Amino acid sequence: MISVFVKKLSFETIIGMLDFERHTKQKVKISANLIADEFINYAELCEYFITKFNEKQFFKIEDALNFFKKDLKAKFLTLKHIKLKITKPDIIENAEVGAVLKYTY
C-alpha cells in the first residue's frame, strides 16, 4: 500500500452559509492522508482539491468532506483509507476552526 499526504494546502475559495461568505473568497487549508494500492500524484491531488472547491462552492466544511469521501473513492478505486482535515483559519480571529473526516473503505 502507498500512503500519500498533503499538509496545509492553502488557497482562497467561496465556502460558507452566511451572505458575506457566498460573495467573498476566504482562505481554506487542507491536510489529507490517503492510503491506496495505486500511485497517487500529490501535485495532481492538490490541484484536484482546489478545482473541486472552486467548482462546488460548498456551504459547509462537512459538505466538502462528504463529497470528497465519495469522489476520491471514485477517482482512486484502490483507496483504502482517507483522513481529511479542512480548516478556515481566518473566520474566527483567535482560532483555526474546521472539521476532520477519517474513513476506511
PDB file of N, CA and C in Angstrom:
ATOM      1  N   MET A   1       0.830  -1.184   0.000  1.00  0.00           N
ATOM      2  CA  MET A   1       0.000   0.000   0.000  1.00  0.00           C
ATOM      3  C   MET A   1       0.876   1.250   0.000  1.00  0.00           C
ATOM      4  N   ILE A   2       0.329   2.295  -0.560  1.00  0.00           N
ATOM      5  CA  ILE A   2       1.022   3.572  -0.650  1.00  0.00           C
ATOM      6  C   ILE A   2       0.254   4.592   0.180  1.00  0.00           C
ATOM      7  N   SER A   3       0.976   5.369   0.952  1.00  0.00           N
ATOM      8  CA  SER A   3       0.370   6.452   1.713  1.00  0.00           C
ATOM      9  C   SER A   3       0.874   7.782   1.158  1.00  0.00           C
ATOM     10  N   VAL A   4      -0.036   8.614   0.763  1.00  0.00           N
ATOM     11  CA  VAL A   4       0.294   9.927   0.212  1.00  0.00           C
ATOM     12  C   VAL A   4      -0.326  10.974   1.127  1.00  0.00           C
ATOM     13  N   PHE A   5       0.420  12.033   1.393  1.00  0.00           N
ATOM     14  CA  PHE A   5      -0.148  13.074   2.235  1.00  0.00           C
ATOM     15  C   PHE A   5       0.104  14.455   1.651  1.00  0.00           C
ATOM     16  N   VAL A   6      -0.778  15.351   2.021  1.00  0.00           N
ATOM     17  CA  VAL A   6      -0.686  16.770   1.704  1.00  0.00           C
ATOM     18  C   VAL A   6      -0.909  17.486   3.023  1.00  0.00           C
ATOM     19  N   LYS A   7      -0.052  18.438   3.345  1.00  0.00           N
ATOM     20  CA  LYS A   7      -0.221  19.196   4.588  1.00  0.00           C
ATOM     21  C   LYS A   7      -0.361  20.682   4.289  1.00  0.00           C
ATOM     22  N   LYS A   8      -1.381  21.271   4.890  1.00  0.00           N
ATOM     23  CA  LYS A   8      -1.590  22.716   4.881  1.00  0.00           C
ATOM     24  C   LYS A   8      -1.649  23.333   3.488  1.00  0.00           C
ATOM     25  N   LEU A   9      -2.296  22.632   2.555  1.00  0.00           N
ATOM     26  CA  LEU A   9      -2.586  23.231   1.250  1.00  0.00           C
ATOM     27  C   LEU A   9      -3.492  24.423   1.504  1.00  0.00           C
ATOM     28  N   SER A  10      -3.088  25.595   1.069  1.00  0.00           N
ATOM     29  CA  SER A  10      -3.805  26.829   1.383  1.00  0.00           C
ATOM     30  C   SER A  10      -4.219  27.532   0.101  1.00  0.00           C
ATOM     31  N   PHE A  11      -5.480  27.936   0.044  1.00  0.00           N
ATOM     32  CA  PHE A  11      -5.991  28.670  -1.118  1.00  0.00           C
ATOM     33  C   PHE A  11      -7.258  29.404  -0.708  1.00  0.00           C
ATOM     34  N   GLU A  12      -7.718  30.303  -1.560  1.00  0.00           N
ATOM     35  CA  GLU A  12      -8.949  31.047  -1.292  1.00  0.00           C
ATOM     36  C   GLU A  12     -10.058  30.543  -2.190  1.00  0.00           C
ATOM     37  N   THR A  13     -11.267  30.459  -1.617  1.00  0.00           N
ATOM     38  CA  THR A  13     -12.418  29.950  -2.338  1.00  0.00           C
ATOM     39  C   THR A  13     -13.693  30.456  -1.669  1.00  0.00           C
ATOM     40  N   ILE A  14     -14.807  30.229  -2.325  1.00  0.00           N
ATOM     41  CA  ILE A  14     -16.116  30.526  -1.736  1.00  0.00           C
ATOM     42  C   ILE A  14     -16.553  29.307  -0.938  1.00  0.00           C
ATOM     43  N   ILE A  15     -16.782  29.512   0.349  1.00  0.00           N
ATOM     44  CA  ILE A  15     -17.308  28.454   1.226  1.00  0.00           C
ATOM     45  C   ILE A  15     -18.018  29.127   2.398  1.00  0.00           C
ATOM     46  N   GLY A  16     -19.162  28.590   2.763  1.00  0.00           N
ATOM     47  CA  GLY A  16     -19.866  29.135   3.913  1.00  0.00           C
ATOM     48  C   GLY A  16     -21.336  29.339   3.635  1.00  0.00           C
ATOM     49  N   MET A  17     -22.076  29.568   4.699  1.00  0.00           N
ATOM     50  CA  MET A  17     -23.527  29.725   4.621  1.00  0.00           C
ATOM     51  C   MET A  17     -23.983  31.169   4.757  1.00  0.00           C
ATOM     52  N   LEU A  18     -23.166  31.997   5.357  1.00  0.00           N
ATOM     53  CA  LEU A  18     -23.552  33.395   5.586  1.00  0.00           C
ATOM     54  C   LEU A  18     -23.454  34.191   4.284  1.00  0.00           C
ATOM     55  N   ASP A  19     -24.228  35.262   4.184  1.00  0.00           N
ATOM     56  CA  ASP A  19     -24.271  36.051   2.955  1.00  0.00           C
ATOM     57  C   ASP A  19     -22.891  36.510   2.506  1.00  0.00           C
ATOM     58  N   PHE A  20     -22.102  37.052   3.422  1.00  0.00           N
ATOM     59  CA  PHE A  20     -20.783  37.555   3.020  1.00  0.00           C
ATOM     60  C   PHE A  20     -19.865  36.425   2.566  1.00  0.00           C
ATOM     61  N   GLU A  21     -20.075  35.204   3.089  1.00  0.00           N
ATOM     62  CA  GLU A  21     -19.249  34.062   2.692  1.00  0.00           C
ATOM     63  C   GLU A  21     -19.582  33.580   1.278  1.00  0.00           C
ATOM     64  N   ARG A  22     -20.768  33.886   0.808  1.00  0.00           N
ATOM     65  CA  ARG A  22     -21.180  33.473  -0.541  1.00  0.00           C
ATOM     66  C   ARG A  22     -20.666  34.432  -1.606  1.00  0.00           C
ATOM     67  N   HIS A  23     -20.122  35.596  -1.177  1.00  0.00           N
ATOM     68  CA  HIS A  23     -19.666  36.609  -2.132  1.00  0.00           C
ATOM     69  C   HIS A  23     -18.186  36.922  -2.026  1.00  0.00           C
ATOM     70  N   THR A  24     -17.576  36.574  -0.907  1.00  0.00           N
ATOM     71  CA  THR A  24     -16.170  36.918  -0.678  1.00  0.00           C
ATOM     72  C   THR A  24     -15.367  35.648  -0.433  1.00  0.00           C
ATOM     73  N   LYS A  25     -14.308  35.477  -1.207  1.00  0.00           N
ATOM     74  CA  LYS A  25     -13.451  34.309  -1.007  1.00  0.00           C
ATOM     75  C   LYS A  25     -12.764  34.394   0.347  1.00  0.00           C
ATOM     76  N   GLN A  26     -12.554  33.235   0.944  1.00  0.00           N
ATOM     77  CA  GLN A  26     -11.820  33.166   2.198  1.00  0.00           C
ATOM     78  C   GLN A  26     -10.819  32.018   2.131  1.00  0.00           C
ATOM     79  N   LYS A  27      -9.832  32.099   2.991  1.00  0.00           N
ATOM     80  CA  LYS A  27      -8.776  31.094   2.991  1.00  0.00           C
ATOM     81  C   LYS A  27      -9.279  29.777   3.570  1.00  0.00           C
ATOM     82  N   VAL A  28      -8.873  28.697   2.920  1.00  0.00           N
ATOM     83  CA  VAL A  28      -9.147  27.341   3.365  1.00  0.00           C
ATOM     84  C   VAL A  28      -7.807  26.609   3.388  1.00  0.00           C
ATOM     85  N   LYS A  29      -7.625  25.737   4.380  1.00  0.00           N
ATOM     86  CA  LYS A  29      -6.449  24.880   4.433  1.00  0.00           C
ATOM     87  C   LYS A  29      -6.900  23.429   4.458  1.00  0.00           C
ATOM     88  N   ILE A  30      -6.190  22.602   3.686  1.00  0.00           N
ATOM     89  CA  ILE A  30      -6.497  21.174   3.627  1.00  0.00           C
ATOM     90  C   ILE A  30      -5.246  20.388   3.974  1.00  0.00           C
ATOM     91  N   SER A  31      -5.442  19.400   4.831  1.00  0.00           N
ATOM     92  CA  SER A  31      -4.427  18.380   5.065  1.00  0.00           C
ATOM     93  C   SER A  31      -5.099  17.037   4.807  1.00  0.00           C
ATOM     94  N   ALA A  32      -4.411  16.166   4.071  1.00  0.00           N
ATOM     95  CA  ALA A  32      -5.012  14.891   3.688  1.00  0.00           C
ATOM     96  C   ALA A  32      -3.973  13.784   3.755  1.00  0.00           C
ATOM     97  N   ASN A  33      -4.451  12.599   4.119  1.00  0.00           N
ATOM     98  CA  ASN A  33      -3.632  11.402   4.082  1.00  0.00           C
ATOM     99  C   ASN A  33      -4.476  10.330   3.413  1.00  0.00           C
ATOM    100  N   LEU A  34      -3.989   9.792   2.292  1.00  0.00           N
ATOM    101  CA  LEU A  34      -4.705   8.767   1.548  1.00  0.00           C
ATOM    102  C   LEU A  34      -3.845   7.514   1.497  1.00  0.00           C
ATOM    103  N   ILE A  35      -4.465   6.367   1.736  1.00  0.00           N
ATOM    104  CA  ILE A  35      -3.779   5.088   1.623  1.00  0.00           C
ATOM    105  C   ILE A  35      -4.474   4.297   0.531  1.00  0.00           C
ATOM    106  N   ALA A  36      -3.689   3.857  -0.451  1.00  0.00           N
ATOM    107  CA  ALA A  36      -4.246   3.142  -1.599  1.00  0.00           C
ATOM    108  C   ALA A  36      -3.243   2.120  -2.105  1.00  0.00           C
ATOM    109  N   ASP A  37      -3.708   1.265  -3.005  1.00  0.00           N
ATOM    110  CA  ASP A  37      -2.851   0.282  -3.654  1.00  0.00           C
ATOM    111  C   ASP A  37      -2.384   0.782  -5.017  1.00  0.00           C
ATOM    112  N   GLU A  38      -2.426   2.080  -5.228  1.00  0.00           N
ATOM    113  CA  GLU A  38      -2.015   2.644  -6.508  1.00  0.00           C
ATOM    114  C   GLU A  38      -1.258   3.942  -6.274  1.00  0.00           C
ATOM    115  N   PHE A  39      -0.581   4.374  -7.302  1.00  0.00           N
ATOM    116  CA  PHE A  39       0.150   5.631  -7.256  1.00  0.00           C
ATOM    117  C   PHE A  39      -0.839   6.789  -7.262  1.00  0.00           C
ATOM    118  N   ILE A  40      -0.642   7.730  -6.357  1.00  0.00           N
ATOM    119  CA  ILE A  40      -1.441   8.953  -6.326  1.00  0.00           C
ATOM    120  C   ILE A  40      -0.464  10.118  -6.422  1.00  0.00           C
ATOM    121  N   ASN A  41      -0.590  10.887  -7.458  1.00  0.00           N
ATOM    122  CA  ASN A  41       0.281  12.036  -7.685  1.00  0.00           C
ATOM    123  C   ASN A  41      -0.165  13.174  -6.778  1.00  0.00           C
ATOM    124  N   TYR A  42       0.675  13.538  -5.823  1.00  0.00           N
ATOM    125  CA  TYR A  42       0.266  14.555  -4.843  1.00  0.00           C
ATOM    126  C   TYR A  42       0.093  15.928  -5.453  1.00  0.00           C
ATOM    127  N   ALA A  43       0.834  16.243  -6.523  1.00  0.00           N
ATOM    128  CA  ALA A  43       0.637  17.530  -7.201  1.00  0.00           C
ATOM    129  C   ALA A  43      -0.749  17.586  -7.846  1.00  0.00           C
ATOM    130  N   GLU A  44      -1.150  16.497  -8.482  1.00  0.00           N
ATOM    131  CA  GLU A  44      -2.489  16.423  -9.073  1.00  0.00           C
ATOM    132  C   GLU A  44      -3.558  16.440  -7.989  1.00  0.00           C
ATOM    133  N   LEU A  45      -3.273  15.819  -6.859  1.00  0.00           N
ATOM    134  CA  LEU A  45      -4.218  15.809  -5.744  1.00  0.00           C
ATOM    135  C   LEU A  45      -4.466  17.225  -5.231  1.00  0.00           C
ATOM    136  N   CYS A  46      -3.414  18.006  -5.105  1.00  0.00           N
ATOM    137  CA  CYS A  46      -3.567  19.404  -4.667  1.00  0.00           C
ATOM    138  C   CYS A  46      -4.420  20.188  -5.654  1.00  0.00           C
ATOM    139  N   GLU A  47      -4.138  20.049  -6.924  1.00  0.00           N
ATOM    140  CA  GLU A  47      -4.912  20.759  -7.950  1.00  0.00           C
ATOM    141  C   GLU A  47      -6.372  20.296  -7.948  1.00  0.00           C
ATOM    142  N   TYR A  48      -6.584  19.002  -7.746  1.00  0.00           N
ATOM    143  CA  TYR A  48      -7.936  18.439  -7.661  1.00  0.00           C
ATOM    144  C   TYR A  48      -8.739  19.105  -6.538  1.00  0.00           C
ATOM    145  N   PHE A  49      -8.144  19.220  -5.334  1.00  0.00           N
ATOM    146  CA  PHE A  49      -8.844  19.855  -4.218  1.00  0.00           C
ATOM    147  C   PHE A  49      -9.226  21.301  -4.546  1.00  0.00           C
ATOM    148  N   ILE A  50      -8.305  22.049  -5.084  1.00  0.00           N
ATOM    149  CA  ILE A  50      -8.563  23.457  -5.416  1.00  0.00           C
ATOM    150  C   ILE A  50      -9.664  23.572  -6.464  1.00  0.00           C
ATOM    151  N   THR A  51      -9.561  22.764  -7.510  1.00  0.00           N
ATOM    152  CA  THR A  51     -10.550  22.796  -8.593  1.00  0.00           C
ATOM    153  C   THR A  51     -11.946  22.445  -8.084  1.00  0.00           C
ATOM    154  N   LYS A  52     -12.054  21.377  -7.317  1.00  0.00           N
ATOM    155  CA  LYS A  52     -13.367  20.948  -6.816  1.00  0.00           C
ATOM    156  C   LYS A  52     -13.973  21.970  -5.855  1.00  0.00           C
ATOM    157  N   PHE A  53     -13.141  22.556  -4.996  1.00  0.00           N
ATOM    158  CA  PHE A  53     -13.655  23.598  -4.095  1.00  0.00           C
ATOM    159  C   PHE A  53     -14.201  24.773  -4.891  1.00  0.00           C
ATOM    160  N   ASN A  54     -13.487  25.201  -5.915  1.00  0.00           N
ATOM    161  CA  ASN A  54     -13.934  26.344  -6.710  1.00  0.00           C
ATOM    162  C   ASN A  54     -15.180  26.015  -7.529  1.00  0.00           C
ATOM    163  N   GLU A  55     -15.298  24.784  -8.007  1.00  0.00           N
ATOM    164  CA  GLU A  55     -16.487  24.370  -8.765  1.00  0.00           C
ATOM    165  C   GLU A  55     -17.713  24.248  -7.869  1.00  0.00           C
ATOM    166  N   LYS A  56     -17.560  23.609  -6.720  1.00  0.00           N
ATOM    167  CA  LYS A  56     -18.692  23.256  -5.868  1.00  0.00           C
ATOM    168  C   LYS A  56     -19.146  24.388  -4.946  1.00  0.00           C
ATOM    169  N   GLN A  57     -18.231  25.249  -4.542  1.00  0.00           N
ATOM    170  CA  GLN A  57     -18.552  26.339  -3.614  1.00  0.00           C
ATOM    171  C   GLN A  57     -19.436  25.829  -2.466  1.00  0.00           C
ATOM    172  N   PHE A  58     -18.888  24.921  -1.694  1.00  0.00           N
ATOM    173  CA  PHE A  58     -19.602  24.251  -0.616  1.00  0.00           C
ATOM    174  C   PHE A  58     -20.168  25.246   0.399  1.00  0.00           C
ATOM    175  N   PHE A  59     -21.299  24.883   0.993  1.00  0.00           N
ATOM    176  CA  PHE A  59     -21.893  25.692   2.051  1.00  0.00           C
ATOM    177  C   PHE A  59     -21.227  25.396   3.393  1.00  0.00           C
ATOM    178  N   LYS A  60     -20.943  24.113   3.656  1.00  0.00           N
ATOM    179  CA  LYS A  60     -20.342  23.725   4.928  1.00  0.00           C
ATOM    180  C   LYS A  60     -19.098  22.880   4.668  1.00  0.00           C
ATOM    181  N   ILE A  61     -18.171  22.929   5.599  1.00  0.00           N
ATOM    182  CA  ILE A  61     -16.994  22.069   5.512  1.00  0.00           C
ATOM    183  C   ILE A  61     -17.423  20.606   5.493  1.00  0.00           C
ATOM    184  N   GLU A  62     -18.447  20.278   6.268  1.00  0.00           N
ATOM    185  CA  GLU A  62     -18.937  18.898   6.303  1.00  0.00           C
ATOM    186  C   GLU A  62     -19.443  18.453   4.931  1.00  0.00           C
ATOM    187  N   ASP A  63     -20.045  19.364   4.167  1.00  0.00           N
ATOM    188  CA  ASP A  63     -20.471  19.041   2.801  1.00  0.00           C
ATOM    189  C   ASP A  63     -19.265  18.669   1.943  1.00  0.00           C
ATOM    190  N   ALA A  64     -18.193  19.418   2.095  1.00  0.00           N
ATOM    191  CA  ALA A  64     -16.967  19.143   1.340  1.00  0.00           C
ATOM    192  C   ALA A  64     -16.390  17.792   1.737  1.00  0.00           C
ATOM    193  N   LEU A  65     -16.341  17.509   3.018  1.00  0.00           N
ATOM    194  CA  LEU A  65     -15.800  16.227   3.475  1.00  0.00           C
ATOM    195  C   LEU A  65     -16.602  15.053   2.907  1.00  0.00           C
ATOM    196  N   ASN A  66     -17.918  15.143   2.937  1.00  0.00           N
ATOM    197  CA  ASN A  66     -18.754  14.069   2.386  1.00  0.00           C
ATOM    198  C   ASN A  66     -18.578  13.925   0.885  1.00  0.00           C
ATOM    199  N   PHE A  67     -18.446  15.046   0.186  1.00  0.00           N
ATOM    200  CA  PHE A  67     -18.202  14.994  -1.252  1.00  0.00           C
ATOM    201  C   PHE A  67     -16.886  14.272  -1.550  1.00  0.00           C
ATOM    202  N   PHE A  68     -15.816  14.678  -0.865  1.00  0.00           N
ATOM    203  CA  PHE A  68     -14.506  14.090  -1.140  1.00  0.00           C
ATOM    204  C   PHE A  68     -14.440  12.621  -0.736  1.00  0.00           C
ATOM    205  N   LYS A  69     -15.163  12.239   0.302  1.00  0.00           N
ATOM    206  CA  LYS A  69     -15.196  10.828   0.701  1.00  0.00           C
ATOM    207  C   LYS A  69     -15.676   9.960  -0.463  1.00  0.00           C
ATOM    208  N   LYS A  70     -16.685  10.403  -1.170  1.00  0.00           N
ATOM    209  CA  LYS A  70     -17.235   9.644  -2.299  1.00  0.00           C
ATOM    210  C   LYS A  70     -16.412   9.844  -3.573  1.00  0.00           C
ATOM    211  N   ASP A  71     -16.071  11.089  -3.866  1.00  0.00           N
ATOM    212  CA  ASP A  71     -15.409  11.396  -5.133  1.00  0.00           C
ATOM    213  C   ASP A  71     -13.985  10.846  -5.195  1.00  0.00           C
ATOM    214  N   LEU A  72     -13.271  10.882  -4.087  1.00  0.00           N
ATOM    215  CA  LEU A  72     -11.911  10.334  -4.088  1.00  0.00           C
ATOM    216  C   LEU A  72     -11.923   8.827  -4.309  1.00  0.00           C
ATOM    217  N   LYS A  73     -12.896   8.131  -3.764  1.00  0.00           N
ATOM    218  CA  LYS A  73     -13.001   6.683  -3.974  1.00  0.00           C
ATOM    219  C   LYS A  73     -13.303   6.374  -5.438  1.00  0.00           C
ATOM    220  N   ALA A  74     -14.132   7.191  -6.076  1.00  0.00           N
ATOM    221  CA  ALA A  74     -14.425   7.001  -7.499  1.00  0.00           C
ATOM    222  C   ALA A  74     -13.184   7.301  -8.349  1.00  0.00           C
ATOM    223  N   LYS A  75     -12.379   8.239  -7.921  1.00  0.00           N
ATOM    224  CA  LYS A  75     -11.165   8.628  -8.650  1.00  0.00           C
ATOM    225  C   LYS A  75     -10.039   7.620  -8.457  1.00  0.00           C
ATOM    226  N   PHE A  76      -9.916   7.095  -7.242  1.00  0.00           N
ATOM    227  CA  PHE A  76      -8.860   6.137  -6.905  1.00  0.00           C
ATOM    228  C   PHE A  76      -9.527   4.861  -6.399  1.00  0.00           C
ATOM    229  N   LEU A  77      -9.726   3.918  -7.294  1.00  0.00           N
ATOM    230  CA  LEU A  77     -10.521   2.727  -6.985  1.00  0.00           C
ATOM    231  C   LEU A  77      -9.923   1.866  -5.884  1.00  0.00           C
ATOM    232  N   THR A  78      -8.595   1.913  -5.718  1.00  0.00           N
ATOM    233  CA  THR A  78      -7.967   1.084  -4.685  1.00  0.00           C
ATOM    234  C   THR A  78      -7.789   1.828  -3.363  1.00  0.00           C
ATOM    235  N   LEU A  79      -8.433   2.971  -3.221  1.00  0.00           N
ATOM    236  CA  LEU A  79      -8.334   3.756  -1.994  1.00  0.00           C
ATOM    237  C   LEU A  79      -8.855   2.935  -0.812  1.00  0.00           C
ATOM    238  N   LYS A  80      -8.039   2.847   0.230  1.00  0.00           N
ATOM    239  CA  LYS A  80      -8.390   2.048   1.411  1.00  0.00           C
ATOM    240  C   LYS A  80      -8.791   2.907   2.605  1.00  0.00           C
ATOM    241  N   HIS A  81      -8.121   4.044   2.745  1.00  0.00           N
ATOM    242  CA  HIS A  81      -8.351   4.880   3.920  1.00  0.00           C
ATOM    243  C   HIS A  81      -8.090   6.339   3.562  1.00  0.00           C
ATOM    244  N   ILE A  82      -8.869   7.222   4.184  1.00  0.00           N
ATOM    245  CA  ILE A  82      -8.674   8.661   3.995  1.00  0.00           C
ATOM    246  C   ILE A  82      -8.789   9.365   5.344  1.00  0.00           C
ATOM    247  N   LYS A  83      -7.913  10.302   5.539  1.00  0.00           N
ATOM    248  CA  LYS A  83      -8.043  11.251   6.641  1.00  0.00           C
ATOM    249  C   LYS A  83      -7.943  12.625   6.004  1.00  0.00           C
ATOM    250  N   LEU A  84      -8.982  13.410   6.160  1.00  0.00           N
ATOM    251  CA  LEU A  84      -9.062  14.707   5.507  1.00  0.00           C
ATOM    252  C   LEU A  84      -9.453  15.761   6.536  1.00  0.00           C
ATOM    253  N   LYS A  85      -8.638  16.800   6.630  1.00  0.00           N
ATOM    254  CA  LYS A  85      -8.879  17.902   7.560  1.00  0.00           C
ATOM    255  C   LYS A  85      -9.018  19.187   6.753  1.00  0.00           C
ATOM    256  N   ILE A  86     -10.112  19.894   6.983  1.00  0.00           N
ATOM    257  CA  ILE A  86     -10.355  21.166   6.305  1.00  0.00           C
ATOM    258  C   ILE A  86     -10.561  22.233   7.372  1.00  0.00           C
ATOM    259  N   THR A  87      -9.804  23.314   7.262  1.00  0.00           N
ATOM    260  CA  THR A  87      -9.929  24.391   8.231  1.00  0.00           C
ATOM    261  C   THR A  87     -10.163  25.719   7.524  1.00  0.00           C
ATOM    262  N   LYS A  88     -10.790  26.624   8.269  1.00  0.00           N
ATOM    263  CA  LYS A  88     -10.972  28.011   7.852  1.00  0.00           C
ATOM    264  C   LYS A  88     -10.175  28.858   8.848  1.00  0.00           C
ATOM    265  N   PRO A  89      -8.917  29.162   8.538  1.00  0.00           N
ATOM    266  CA  PRO A  89      -8.032  29.780   9.531  1.00  0.00           C
ATOM    267  C   PRO A  89      -8.342  31.233   9.857  1.00  0.00           C
ATOM    268  N   ASP A  90      -9.091  31.917   9.030  1.00  0.00           N
ATOM    269  CA  ASP A  90      -9.298  33.346   9.234  1.00  0.00           C
ATOM    270  C   ASP A  90     -10.718  33.731   9.644  1.00  0.00           C
ATOM    271  N   ILE A  91     -11.620  32.775   9.784  1.00  0.00           N
ATOM    272  CA  ILE A  91     -13.021  33.108  10.036  1.00  0.00           C
ATOM    273  C   ILE A  91     -13.262  33.552  11.476  1.00  0.00           C
ATOM    274  N   ILE A  92     -12.470  33.041  12.411  1.00  0.00           N
ATOM    275  CA  ILE A  92     -12.526  33.478  13.807  1.00  0.00           C
ATOM    276  C   ILE A  92     -11.153  34.032  14.150  1.00  0.00           C
ATOM    277  N   GLU A  93     -11.136  35.204  14.737  1.00  0.00           N
ATOM    278  CA  GLU A  93      -9.890  35.946  14.930  1.00  0.00           C
ATOM    279  C   GLU A  93      -8.813  35.171  15.687  1.00  0.00           C
ATOM    280  N   ASN A  94      -9.165  34.495  16.745  1.00  0.00           N
ATOM    281  CA  ASN A  94      -8.145  33.873  17.580  1.00  0.00           C
ATOM    282  C   ASN A  94      -8.200  32.344  17.561  1.00  0.00           C
ATOM    283  N   ALA A  95      -8.765  31.749  16.484  1.00  0.00           N
ATOM    284  CA  ALA A  95      -8.850  30.291  16.399  1.00  0.00           C
ATOM    285  C   ALA A  95      -8.845  29.841  14.942  1.00  0.00           C
ATOM    286  N   GLU A  96      -8.359  28.642  14.730  1.00  0.00           N
ATOM    287  CA  GLU A  96      -8.471  27.988  13.434  1.00  0.00           C
ATOM    288  C   GLU A  96      -9.512  26.896  13.598  1.00  0.00           C
ATOM    289  N   VAL A  97     -10.613  26.979  12.859  1.00  0.00           N
ATOM    290  CA  VAL A  97     -11.729  26.058  13.020  1.00  0.00           C
ATOM    291  C   VAL A  97     -11.917  25.218  11.772  1.00  0.00           C
ATOM    292  N   GLY A  98     -12.538  24.066  11.951  1.00  0.00           N
ATOM    293  CA  GLY A  98     -12.770  23.200  10.819  1.00  0.00           C
ATOM    294  C   GLY A  98     -13.320  21.865  11.261  1.00  0.00           C
ATOM    295  N   ALA A  99     -13.104  20.860  10.403  1.00  0.00           N
ATOM    296  CA  ALA A  99     -13.605  19.507  10.673  1.00  0.00           C
ATOM    297  C   ALA A  99     -12.661  18.497  10.050  1.00  0.00           C
ATOM    298  N   VAL A 100     -12.738  17.267  10.586  1.00  0.00           N
ATOM    299  CA  VAL A 100     -11.877  16.175  10.128  1.00  0.00           C
ATOM    300  C   VAL A 100     -12.745  14.967   9.789  1.00  0.00           C
ATOM    301  N   LEU A 101     -12.398  14.299   8.705  1.00  0.00           N
ATOM    302  CA  LEU A 101     -13.038  13.048   8.321  1.00  0.00           C
ATOM    303  C   LEU A 101     -11.967  11.967   8.328  1.00  0.00           C
ATOM    304  N   LYS A 102     -12.260  10.856   9.003  1.00  0.00           N
ATOM    305  CA  LYS A 102     -11.432   9.661   8.944  1.00  0.00           C
ATOM    306  C   LYS A 102     -12.342   8.557   8.464  1.00  0.00           C
ATOM    307  N   TYR A 103     -11.968   7.880   7.371  1.00  0.00           N
ATOM    308  CA  TYR A 103     -12.857   6.889   6.800  1.00  0.00           C
ATOM    309  C   TYR A 103     -12.055   5.747   6.197  1.00  0.00           C
ATOM    310  N   THR A 104     -12.477   4.518   6.505  1.00  0.00           N
ATOM    311  CA  THR A 104     -11.890   3.319   5.907  1.00  0.00           C
ATOM    312  C   THR A 104     -12.918   2.722   4.972  1.00  0.00           C
ATOM    313  N   TYR A 105     -12.507   2.477   3.740  1.00  0.00           N
ATOM    314  CA  TYR A 105     -13.411   1.918   2.730  1.00  0.00           C
ATOM    315  C   TYR A 105     -13.454   0.396   2.821  1.00  0.00           C
TER     316      TYR A 105
END
